[in-house]
Amino acid sequence: MVKKKVSINFKARIRKSRKDINKNIKNFFDWIKGAELVELKECEVEKDPVRPELDNEFRTSYGRKIFGVKYKNEIHAIMCFAFTNQIPKSVHQLDLFSRDAFLQSATRDQNVGQIAIAYTVWSNKKGGGKLIVNEVFKMIKKSNHLNRLVTLSPLTEMARNFHLKNGAEEIQVNEETQNFEYKIIK
């Protein structure tokens, strides 16, 4: 009798656990499906684990942009970009190259640079980093003037693993950074 009661309780707990897991999976995919890519005027730079030393003025001047993944009026992932015509090996070069591309665009067609350089990315929600990479990839693919998506990543194993796992190819390792490229086929 006791053995039968334990068996029934055990089966009930397994059913409840299964329901909880299914609910969590559904909630995870709901947020992924409902999220949208938005351009931001600023971000909380102190939450940036990669480049907290760069202020919002740096992140939004000379054609640089901040994008976020928004879900239910909350930003869950952020990626910052500069647009250049060359691949930078440092933040200093990123600054110089994006200024140069911005000034060149003033005399041409207002399109800043041909290469989108992602120099920081972070997420507050599981799956947000991968989601923002995919959404930005789609946006760049649709653009008329951008033909490359390259990162300026820190020299960490975490950054390397993140980009390789998400389909990027390592193109160079520098003194303080590493560059990965997400292939854009239009």
N, C-alpha and C. Protein backbone atom coordinates (compact mmCIF):
# COMPACT_ATOMS: atom_id res chain seq x y z
N MET A 1 0.83 -1.19 0.00
CA MET A 1 0.00 0.00 0.00
C MET A 1 0.87 1.26 0.00
N VAL A 2 1.88 1.31 0.88
CA VAL A 2 2.79 2.46 0.95
C VAL A 2 3.57 2.58 -0.35
N LYS A 3 4.02 1.44 -0.87
CA LYS A 3 4.79 1.44 -2.12
C LYS A 3 3.95 2.01 -3.27
N LYS A 4 2.66 1.65 -3.31
CA LYS A 4 1.76 2.12 -4.37
C LYS A 4 1.56 3.63 -4.25
N LYS A 5 1.40 4.14 -3.02
CA LYS A 5 1.19 5.57 -2.78
C LYS A 5 2.43 6.38 -3.18
N VAL A 6 3.61 5.87 -2.85
CA VAL A 6 4.87 6.52 -3.23
C VAL A 6 4.99 6.56 -4.74
N SER A 7 4.64 5.47 -5.40
CA SER A 7 4.69 5.39 -6.85
C SER A 7 3.76 6.41 -7.49
N ILE A 8 2.56 6.57 -6.95
CA ILE A 8 1.60 7.54 -7.49
C ILE A 8 2.12 8.96 -7.29
N ASN A 9 2.65 9.27 -6.11
CA ASN A 9 3.21 10.61 -5.83
C ASN A 9 4.38 10.91 -6.75
N PHE A 10 5.23 9.92 -6.94
CA PHE A 10 6.39 10.09 -7.80
C PHE A 10 5.96 10.40 -9.24
N LYS A 11 4.98 9.66 -9.75
CA LYS A 11 4.47 9.90 -11.11
C LYS A 11 3.84 11.27 -11.22
N ALA A 12 3.14 11.72 -10.19
CA ALA A 12 2.51 13.05 -10.20
C ALA A 12 3.57 14.14 -10.26
N ARG A 13 4.66 13.97 -9.51
CA ARG A 13 5.75 14.96 -9.53
C ARG A 13 6.42 15.01 -10.90
N ILE A 14 6.58 13.87 -11.52
CA ILE A 14 7.17 13.84 -12.87
C ILE A 14 6.28 14.57 -13.86
N ARG A 15 4.96 14.34 -13.80
CA ARG A 15 4.02 15.03 -14.70
C ARG A 15 4.09 16.54 -14.48
N LYS A 16 4.13 16.98 -13.23
CA LYS A 16 4.20 18.42 -12.92
C LYS A 16 5.51 19.01 -13.45
N SER A 17 6.60 18.29 -13.25
CA SER A 17 7.89 18.76 -13.73
C SER A 17 7.89 18.90 -15.24
N ARG A 18 7.30 17.94 -15.94
CA ARG A 18 7.19 18.00 -17.39
C ARG A 18 6.41 19.23 -17.84
N LYS A 19 5.30 19.49 -17.15
CA LYS A 19 4.47 20.67 -17.48
C LYS A 19 5.28 21.95 -17.26
N ASP A 20 6.02 22.03 -16.16
CA ASP A 20 6.84 23.22 -15.87
C ASP A 20 7.90 23.43 -16.94
N ILE A 21 8.56 22.35 -17.35
CA ILE A 21 9.58 22.45 -18.39
C ILE A 21 8.96 22.92 -19.70
N ASN A 22 7.85 22.35 -20.09
CA ASN A 22 7.17 22.76 -21.32
C ASN A 22 6.75 24.22 -21.26
N LYS A 23 6.27 24.67 -20.10
CA LYS A 23 5.87 26.07 -19.94
C LYS A 23 7.08 26.99 -20.08
N ASN A 24 8.21 26.61 -19.47
CA ASN A 24 9.42 27.42 -19.57
C ASN A 24 9.92 27.50 -21.01
N ILE A 25 9.87 26.40 -21.73
CA ILE A 25 10.29 26.40 -23.14
C ILE A 25 9.37 27.30 -23.95
N LYS A 26 8.07 27.21 -23.71
CA LYS A 26 7.11 28.06 -24.43
C LYS A 26 7.38 29.53 -24.14
N ASN A 27 7.61 29.89 -22.85
CA ASN A 27 7.90 31.28 -22.49
C ASN A 27 9.18 31.77 -23.16
N PHE A 28 10.19 30.92 -23.25
CA PHE A 28 11.44 31.29 -23.89
C PHE A 28 11.20 31.63 -25.36
N PHE A 29 10.48 30.76 -26.07
CA PHE A 29 10.24 31.01 -27.48
C PHE A 29 9.27 32.15 -27.71
N ASP A 30 8.34 32.40 -26.79
CA ASP A 30 7.45 33.56 -26.92
C ASP A 30 8.26 34.85 -26.93
N TRP A 31 9.24 34.97 -26.05
CA TRP A 31 10.01 36.22 -26.00
C TRP A 31 10.87 36.35 -27.25
N ILE A 32 11.41 35.25 -27.75
CA ILE A 32 12.22 35.31 -28.98
C ILE A 32 11.36 35.75 -30.16
N LYS A 33 10.16 35.16 -30.29
CA LYS A 33 9.27 35.50 -31.41
C LYS A 33 8.74 36.92 -31.33
N GLY A 34 8.51 37.42 -30.12
CA GLY A 34 7.91 38.74 -29.95
C GLY A 34 8.91 39.89 -29.90
N ALA A 35 10.19 39.60 -29.91
CA ALA A 35 11.22 40.64 -29.79
C ALA A 35 11.41 41.37 -31.13
N GLU A 36 11.81 42.64 -31.04
CA GLU A 36 12.07 43.41 -32.25
C GLU A 36 13.37 44.20 -32.09
N LEU A 37 14.05 44.42 -33.20
CA LEU A 37 15.28 45.19 -33.22
C LEU A 37 14.93 46.67 -33.30
N VAL A 38 15.50 47.47 -32.39
CA VAL A 38 15.24 48.91 -32.39
C VAL A 38 16.56 49.66 -32.27
N GLU A 39 16.59 50.86 -32.86
CA GLU A 39 17.76 51.72 -32.69
C GLU A 39 17.55 52.55 -31.43
N LEU A 40 18.60 52.66 -30.63
CA LEU A 40 18.53 53.38 -29.36
C LEU A 40 19.36 54.66 -29.43
N LYS A 41 18.93 55.67 -28.68
CA LYS A 41 19.69 56.92 -28.60
C LYS A 41 20.81 56.81 -27.57
N GLU A 42 20.62 55.91 -26.60
CA GLU A 42 21.64 55.70 -25.58
C GLU A 42 21.43 54.34 -24.91
N CYS A 43 22.41 53.95 -24.13
CA CYS A 43 22.31 52.71 -23.36
C CYS A 43 22.99 52.94 -22.01
N GLU A 44 22.79 52.01 -21.12
CA GLU A 44 23.42 52.10 -19.81
C GLU A 44 24.83 51.53 -19.94
N VAL A 45 25.80 52.41 -20.22
CA VAL A 45 27.16 51.97 -20.52
C VAL A 45 27.81 51.21 -19.36
N GLU A 46 27.39 51.50 -18.15
CA GLU A 46 27.98 50.79 -17.00
C GLU A 46 27.59 49.31 -16.97
N LYS A 47 26.56 48.93 -17.73
CA LYS A 47 26.16 47.52 -17.81
C LYS A 47 26.90 46.78 -18.92
N ASP A 48 27.66 47.51 -19.73
CA ASP A 48 28.40 46.91 -20.83
C ASP A 48 29.61 46.16 -20.27
N PRO A 49 29.62 44.82 -20.37
CA PRO A 49 30.74 44.05 -19.82
C PRO A 49 31.99 44.09 -20.71
N VAL A 50 31.84 44.56 -21.95
CA VAL A 50 32.95 44.53 -22.90
C VAL A 50 33.70 45.87 -22.94
N ARG A 51 32.96 46.97 -23.14
CA ARG A 51 33.59 48.28 -23.28
C ARG A 51 32.85 49.37 -22.47
N PRO A 52 32.83 49.24 -21.16
CA PRO A 52 32.11 50.23 -20.33
C PRO A 52 32.77 51.61 -20.35
N GLU A 53 34.01 51.69 -20.80
CA GLU A 53 34.72 52.97 -20.84
C GLU A 53 34.23 53.88 -21.96
N LEU A 54 33.48 53.34 -22.93
CA LEU A 54 32.98 54.14 -24.05
C LEU A 54 31.63 54.75 -23.68
N ASP A 55 31.56 56.07 -23.69
CA ASP A 55 30.31 56.74 -23.31
C ASP A 55 29.32 56.78 -24.48
N ASN A 56 28.11 57.25 -24.18
CA ASN A 56 27.06 57.30 -25.20
C ASN A 56 27.40 58.25 -26.34
N GLU A 57 28.16 59.29 -26.06
CA GLU A 57 28.56 60.21 -27.13
C GLU A 57 29.42 59.47 -28.15
N PHE A 58 30.38 58.68 -27.67
CA PHE A 58 31.21 57.89 -28.59
C PHE A 58 30.33 56.94 -29.39
N ARG A 59 29.39 56.28 -28.72
CA ARG A 59 28.57 55.24 -29.34
C ARG A 59 27.57 55.78 -30.37
N THR A 60 27.33 57.08 -30.37
CA THR A 60 26.33 57.64 -31.29
C THR A 60 26.89 58.74 -32.20
N SER A 61 28.16 59.06 -32.10
CA SER A 61 28.72 60.09 -32.98
C SER A 61 29.36 59.46 -34.22
N TYR A 62 29.56 60.27 -35.23
CA TYR A 62 30.20 59.85 -36.48
C TYR A 62 29.52 58.63 -37.10
N GLY A 63 28.20 58.65 -37.09
CA GLY A 63 27.43 57.59 -37.73
C GLY A 63 27.36 56.29 -36.95
N ARG A 64 27.94 56.25 -35.75
CA ARG A 64 27.89 55.03 -34.94
C ARG A 64 26.47 54.85 -34.38
N LYS A 65 26.09 53.61 -34.16
CA LYS A 65 24.72 53.32 -33.72
C LYS A 65 24.67 52.30 -32.60
N ILE A 66 23.58 52.39 -31.84
CA ILE A 66 23.29 51.43 -30.78
C ILE A 66 21.97 50.76 -31.14
N PHE A 67 21.96 49.42 -31.15
CA PHE A 67 20.74 48.67 -31.41
C PHE A 67 20.41 47.82 -30.19
N GLY A 68 19.12 47.63 -29.99
CA GLY A 68 18.68 46.80 -28.89
C GLY A 68 17.59 45.85 -29.34
N VAL A 69 17.44 44.75 -28.61
CA VAL A 69 16.33 43.84 -28.81
C VAL A 69 15.30 44.18 -27.75
N LYS A 70 14.12 44.58 -28.22
CA LYS A 70 13.06 45.04 -27.32
C LYS A 70 11.94 44.00 -27.27
N TYR A 71 11.50 43.72 -26.05
CA TYR A 71 10.37 42.81 -25.85
C TYR A 71 9.57 43.34 -24.67
N LYS A 72 8.28 43.56 -24.90
CA LYS A 72 7.37 44.10 -23.87
C LYS A 72 7.95 45.36 -23.23
N ASN A 73 8.37 46.30 -24.07
CA ASN A 73 8.89 47.61 -23.65
C ASN A 73 10.16 47.54 -22.80
N GLU A 74 10.86 46.44 -22.86
CA GLU A 74 12.14 46.32 -22.15
C GLU A 74 13.22 45.93 -23.15
N ILE A 75 14.41 46.48 -22.96
CA ILE A 75 15.55 46.12 -23.79
C ILE A 75 16.27 44.95 -23.13
N HIS A 76 16.43 43.86 -23.89
CA HIS A 76 17.02 42.64 -23.33
C HIS A 76 18.42 42.33 -23.88
N ALA A 77 18.83 42.98 -24.95
CA ALA A 77 20.17 42.77 -25.51
C ALA A 77 20.57 44.03 -26.26
N ILE A 78 21.86 44.32 -26.27
CA ILE A 78 22.38 45.53 -26.92
C ILE A 78 23.60 45.18 -27.75
N MET A 79 23.72 45.85 -28.91
CA MET A 79 24.89 45.71 -29.76
C MET A 79 25.22 47.10 -30.31
N CYS A 80 26.48 47.49 -30.22
CA CYS A 80 26.92 48.79 -30.72
C CYS A 80 27.78 48.61 -31.97
N PHE A 81 27.59 49.55 -32.92
CA PHE A 81 28.24 49.47 -34.22
C PHE A 81 28.93 50.76 -34.61
N ALA A 82 29.99 50.59 -35.37
CA ALA A 82 30.61 51.69 -36.11
C ALA A 82 30.64 51.24 -37.56
N PHE A 83 30.66 52.18 -38.46
CA PHE A 83 30.67 51.86 -39.88
C PHE A 83 31.97 52.39 -40.47
N THR A 84 32.71 51.51 -41.13
CA THR A 84 34.03 51.85 -41.64
C THR A 84 34.22 51.29 -43.05
N ASN A 85 35.38 51.61 -43.60
CA ASN A 85 35.77 51.02 -44.88
C ASN A 85 36.99 50.12 -44.72
N GLN A 86 37.47 49.99 -43.47
CA GLN A 86 38.61 49.13 -43.15
C GLN A 86 38.31 48.39 -41.84
N ILE A 87 39.00 47.29 -41.63
CA ILE A 87 38.80 46.52 -40.40
C ILE A 87 39.78 47.02 -39.33
N PRO A 88 39.25 47.53 -38.21
CA PRO A 88 40.13 48.04 -37.15
C PRO A 88 40.71 46.91 -36.29
N LYS A 89 41.88 47.19 -35.72
CA LYS A 89 42.53 46.24 -34.82
C LYS A 89 42.46 46.71 -33.37
N SER A 90 41.95 47.92 -33.15
CA SER A 90 41.86 48.48 -31.79
C SER A 90 40.69 49.46 -31.74
N VAL A 91 40.31 49.85 -30.54
CA VAL A 91 39.24 50.84 -30.38
C VAL A 91 39.70 52.18 -30.96
N HIS A 92 40.98 52.50 -30.81
CA HIS A 92 41.52 53.74 -31.38
C HIS A 92 41.35 53.75 -32.90
N GLN A 93 41.70 52.65 -33.56
CA GLN A 93 41.51 52.56 -35.01
C GLN A 93 40.03 52.60 -35.38
N LEU A 94 39.20 51.95 -34.58
CA LEU A 94 37.75 51.99 -34.80
C LEU A 94 37.27 53.44 -34.83
N ASP A 95 37.72 54.22 -33.87
CA ASP A 95 37.36 55.64 -33.81
C ASP A 95 37.83 56.37 -35.06
N LEU A 96 39.08 56.20 -35.42
CA LEU A 96 39.63 56.89 -36.60
C LEU A 96 38.94 56.45 -37.89
N PHE A 97 38.78 55.15 -38.07
CA PHE A 97 38.19 54.63 -39.30
C PHE A 97 36.72 55.03 -39.45
N SER A 98 35.98 55.06 -38.34
CA SER A 98 34.56 55.43 -38.44
C SER A 98 34.41 56.93 -38.67
N ARG A 99 35.29 57.74 -38.10
CA ARG A 99 35.28 59.19 -38.38
C ARG A 99 35.57 59.43 -39.86
N ASP A 100 36.57 58.73 -40.38
CA ASP A 100 36.95 58.88 -41.78
C ASP A 100 35.80 58.49 -42.71
N ALA A 101 35.16 57.34 -42.44
CA ALA A 101 34.03 56.89 -43.26
C ALA A 101 32.88 57.88 -43.18
N PHE A 102 32.64 58.43 -41.99
CA PHE A 102 31.56 59.41 -41.81
C PHE A 102 31.84 60.66 -42.63
N LEU A 103 33.06 61.17 -42.57
CA LEU A 103 33.42 62.39 -43.32
C LEU A 103 33.38 62.13 -44.82
N GLN A 104 33.79 60.94 -45.27
CA GLN A 104 33.71 60.60 -46.70
C GLN A 104 32.25 60.56 -47.16
N SER A 105 31.35 60.10 -46.29
CA SER A 105 29.95 59.97 -46.67
C SER A 105 29.29 61.33 -46.88
N ALA A 106 29.80 62.36 -46.24
CA ALA A 106 29.23 63.71 -46.37
C ALA A 106 29.41 64.24 -47.79
N THR A 107 30.46 63.79 -48.46
CA THR A 107 30.70 64.27 -49.83
C THR A 107 30.12 63.34 -50.89
N ARG A 108 29.56 62.22 -50.43
CA ARG A 108 29.01 61.25 -51.39
C ARG A 108 27.52 61.08 -51.16
N ASP A 109 27.10 59.87 -50.89
CA ASP A 109 25.68 59.52 -50.86
C ASP A 109 25.10 59.39 -49.45
N GLN A 110 25.78 59.88 -48.44
CA GLN A 110 25.33 59.80 -47.05
C GLN A 110 25.34 58.41 -46.45
N ASN A 111 25.80 57.41 -47.18
CA ASN A 111 25.95 56.06 -46.64
C ASN A 111 27.33 55.95 -46.01
N VAL A 112 27.35 55.67 -44.71
CA VAL A 112 28.60 55.67 -43.95
C VAL A 112 29.24 54.29 -43.96
N GLY A 113 30.37 54.16 -44.64
CA GLY A 113 31.15 52.92 -44.62
C GLY A 113 30.46 51.73 -45.25
N GLN A 114 31.27 50.75 -45.63
CA GLN A 114 30.75 49.52 -46.23
C GLN A 114 30.82 48.34 -45.27
N ILE A 115 31.52 48.52 -44.14
CA ILE A 115 31.69 47.45 -43.18
C ILE A 115 31.04 47.86 -41.85
N ALA A 116 30.14 47.04 -41.36
CA ALA A 116 29.55 47.26 -40.04
C ALA A 116 30.46 46.56 -39.03
N ILE A 117 30.98 47.31 -38.07
CA ILE A 117 31.87 46.76 -37.05
C ILE A 117 31.10 46.70 -35.73
N ALA A 118 30.81 45.49 -35.28
CA ALA A 118 30.16 45.30 -33.98
C ALA A 118 31.28 45.29 -32.94
N TYR A 119 31.28 46.30 -32.05
CA TYR A 119 32.37 46.38 -31.09
C TYR A 119 31.96 46.05 -29.66
N THR A 120 30.68 45.85 -29.41
CA THR A 120 30.24 45.36 -28.12
C THR A 120 28.85 44.74 -28.24
N VAL A 121 28.61 43.72 -27.45
CA VAL A 121 27.29 43.07 -27.40
C VAL A 121 27.12 42.50 -26.01
N TRP A 122 25.90 42.67 -25.47
CA TRP A 122 25.58 42.01 -24.20
C TRP A 122 24.09 41.80 -24.10
N SER A 123 23.73 40.88 -23.22
CA SER A 123 22.34 40.47 -23.09
C SER A 123 21.97 40.31 -21.62
N ASN A 124 20.72 40.68 -21.30
CA ASN A 124 20.20 40.50 -19.95
C ASN A 124 19.30 39.28 -19.87
N LYS A 125 19.07 38.64 -21.00
CA LYS A 125 18.12 37.52 -21.04
C LYS A 125 18.71 36.40 -21.88
N LYS A 126 18.52 35.18 -21.44
CA LYS A 126 19.05 34.01 -22.16
C LYS A 126 18.57 34.01 -23.61
N GLY A 127 19.50 33.84 -24.52
CA GLY A 127 19.17 33.81 -25.94
C GLY A 127 19.24 35.18 -26.60
N GLY A 128 19.40 36.24 -25.81
CA GLY A 128 19.40 37.60 -26.35
C GLY A 128 20.60 37.91 -27.23
N GLY A 129 21.77 37.42 -26.85
CA GLY A 129 22.98 37.68 -27.64
C GLY A 129 22.87 37.09 -29.04
N LYS A 130 22.47 35.86 -29.10
CA LYS A 130 22.31 35.20 -30.40
C LYS A 130 21.20 35.87 -31.21
N LEU A 131 20.12 36.24 -30.54
CA LEU A 131 19.00 36.88 -31.23
C LEU A 131 19.42 38.21 -31.85
N ILE A 132 20.14 39.04 -31.09
CA ILE A 132 20.53 40.34 -31.65
C ILE A 132 21.52 40.17 -32.80
N VAL A 133 22.41 39.20 -32.71
CA VAL A 133 23.33 38.93 -33.83
C VAL A 133 22.52 38.57 -35.07
N ASN A 134 21.55 37.70 -34.93
CA ASN A 134 20.73 37.28 -36.08
C ASN A 134 19.91 38.44 -36.64
N GLU A 135 19.32 39.26 -35.78
CA GLU A 135 18.50 40.38 -36.23
C GLU A 135 19.34 41.44 -36.94
N VAL A 136 20.50 41.74 -36.40
CA VAL A 136 21.39 42.72 -37.03
C VAL A 136 21.91 42.17 -38.36
N PHE A 137 22.20 40.89 -38.39
CA PHE A 137 22.63 40.24 -39.62
C PHE A 137 21.59 40.44 -40.72
N LYS A 138 20.31 40.22 -40.38
CA LYS A 138 19.22 40.41 -41.36
C LYS A 138 19.17 41.86 -41.83
N MET A 139 19.30 42.81 -40.88
CA MET A 139 19.24 44.22 -41.22
C MET A 139 20.38 44.60 -42.18
N ILE A 140 21.57 44.13 -41.91
CA ILE A 140 22.73 44.46 -42.75
C ILE A 140 22.58 43.82 -44.13
N LYS A 141 22.03 42.61 -44.15
CA LYS A 141 21.81 41.92 -45.42
C LYS A 141 20.88 42.73 -46.33
N LYS A 142 19.90 43.41 -45.71
CA LYS A 142 18.93 44.21 -46.48
C LYS A 142 19.49 45.55 -46.93
N SER A 143 20.55 46.03 -46.29
CA SER A 143 21.07 47.37 -46.62
C SER A 143 21.71 47.36 -48.00
N ASN A 144 21.73 48.53 -48.61
CA ASN A 144 22.30 48.65 -49.96
C ASN A 144 23.80 48.88 -49.94
N HIS A 145 24.32 49.49 -48.86
CA HIS A 145 25.72 49.88 -48.88
C HIS A 145 26.63 49.03 -48.00
N LEU A 146 26.07 48.25 -47.08
CA LEU A 146 26.90 47.43 -46.20
C LEU A 146 27.12 46.05 -46.82
N ASN A 147 28.37 45.64 -46.88
CA ASN A 147 28.63 44.33 -47.48
C ASN A 147 29.39 43.38 -46.55
N ARG A 148 29.72 43.86 -45.33
CA ARG A 148 30.43 43.01 -44.38
C ARG A 148 29.96 43.30 -42.95
N LEU A 149 29.91 42.25 -42.13
CA LEU A 149 29.65 42.37 -40.70
C LEU A 149 30.84 41.74 -39.99
N VAL A 150 31.63 42.60 -39.33
CA VAL A 150 32.87 42.18 -38.67
C VAL A 150 32.81 42.62 -37.22
N THR A 151 33.43 41.86 -36.34
CA THR A 151 33.47 42.25 -34.93
C THR A 151 34.84 42.79 -34.56
N LEU A 152 34.85 43.60 -33.52
CA LEU A 152 36.09 44.00 -32.84
C LEU A 152 35.90 43.48 -31.43
N SER A 153 36.34 42.26 -31.21
CA SER A 153 36.06 41.55 -29.96
C SER A 153 37.28 41.53 -29.05
N PRO A 154 37.04 41.45 -27.73
CA PRO A 154 38.17 41.32 -26.81
C PRO A 154 38.86 39.97 -27.00
N LEU A 155 40.09 39.89 -26.56
CA LEU A 155 40.85 38.64 -26.67
C LEU A 155 40.47 37.69 -25.53
N THR A 156 39.26 37.19 -25.59
CA THR A 156 38.82 36.24 -24.56
C THR A 156 38.29 34.98 -25.25
N GLU A 157 38.37 33.89 -24.53
CA GLU A 157 37.85 32.62 -25.04
C GLU A 157 36.33 32.69 -25.17
N MET A 158 35.68 33.43 -24.24
CA MET A 158 34.22 33.56 -24.27
C MET A 158 33.77 34.24 -25.57
N ALA A 159 34.44 35.33 -25.94
CA ALA A 159 34.09 36.04 -27.18
C ALA A 159 34.33 35.13 -28.39
N ARG A 160 35.46 34.46 -28.39
CA ARG A 160 35.79 33.55 -29.49
C ARG A 160 34.72 32.46 -29.65
N ASN A 161 34.39 31.81 -28.54
CA ASN A 161 33.40 30.73 -28.58
C ASN A 161 32.03 31.25 -29.01
N PHE A 162 31.63 32.43 -28.50
CA PHE A 162 30.32 33.01 -28.86
C PHE A 162 30.23 33.20 -30.37
N HIS A 163 31.22 33.85 -30.96
CA HIS A 163 31.15 34.16 -32.40
C HIS A 163 31.27 32.91 -33.27
N LEU A 164 32.15 32.01 -32.91
CA LEU A 164 32.28 30.78 -33.70
C LEU A 164 31.01 29.95 -33.62
N LYS A 165 30.41 29.89 -32.43
CA LYS A 165 29.17 29.12 -32.25
C LYS A 165 28.01 29.74 -33.04
N ASN A 166 28.06 31.06 -33.27
CA ASN A 166 27.00 31.73 -33.98
C ASN A 166 27.28 31.91 -35.47
N GLY A 167 28.28 31.19 -35.99
CA GLY A 167 28.49 31.15 -37.44
C GLY A 167 29.52 32.10 -38.00
N ALA A 168 30.27 32.79 -37.15
CA ALA A 168 31.29 33.70 -37.66
C ALA A 168 32.58 32.94 -37.95
N GLU A 169 33.43 33.59 -38.72
CA GLU A 169 34.74 33.04 -39.05
C GLU A 169 35.79 33.98 -38.47
N GLU A 170 36.79 33.42 -37.81
CA GLU A 170 37.86 34.25 -37.26
C GLU A 170 38.73 34.74 -38.42
N ILE A 171 38.91 36.07 -38.52
CA ILE A 171 39.71 36.58 -39.64
C ILE A 171 41.07 37.09 -39.21
N GLN A 172 41.20 37.56 -37.93
CA GLN A 172 42.53 37.93 -37.46
C GLN A 172 42.54 38.07 -35.95
N VAL A 173 43.71 37.82 -35.37
CA VAL A 173 43.93 38.02 -33.94
C VAL A 173 44.96 39.13 -33.83
N ASN A 174 44.62 40.17 -33.08
CA ASN A 174 45.46 41.35 -32.94
C ASN A 174 46.10 41.36 -31.55
N GLU A 175 46.83 42.42 -31.26
CA GLU A 175 47.52 42.53 -29.97
C GLU A 175 46.54 42.54 -28.79
N GLU A 176 45.43 43.30 -28.93
CA GLU A 176 44.47 43.42 -27.82
C GLU A 176 43.06 42.95 -28.18
N THR A 177 42.83 42.65 -29.44
CA THR A 177 41.48 42.30 -29.90
C THR A 177 41.55 41.14 -30.89
N GLN A 178 40.38 40.70 -31.31
CA GLN A 178 40.28 39.71 -32.38
C GLN A 178 39.09 40.09 -33.25
N ASN A 179 39.17 39.75 -34.52
CA ASN A 179 38.10 40.07 -35.46
C ASN A 179 37.48 38.79 -36.00
N PHE A 180 36.14 38.80 -36.04
CA PHE A 180 35.37 37.70 -36.62
C PHE A 180 34.47 38.30 -37.69
N GLU A 181 34.16 37.50 -38.71
CA GLU A 181 33.28 38.00 -39.76
C GLU A 181 32.11 37.05 -39.94
N TYR A 182 30.92 37.66 -40.01
CA TYR A 182 29.70 36.94 -40.35
C TYR A 182 29.50 37.17 -41.84
N LYS A 183 29.54 36.10 -42.62
CA LYS A 183 29.44 36.21 -44.08
C LYS A 183 28.05 36.67 -44.50
N ILE A 184 28.04 37.68 -45.36
CA ILE A 184 26.78 38.22 -45.88
C ILE A 184 26.67 37.86 -47.34
N ILE A 185 25.66 37.09 -47.64
CA ILE A 185 25.41 36.70 -49.02
C ILE A 185 24.10 37.35 -49.42
N LYS A 186 24.19 38.27 -50.37
CA LYS A 186 22.99 39.03 -50.79
C LYS A 186 22.37 38.42 -52.01
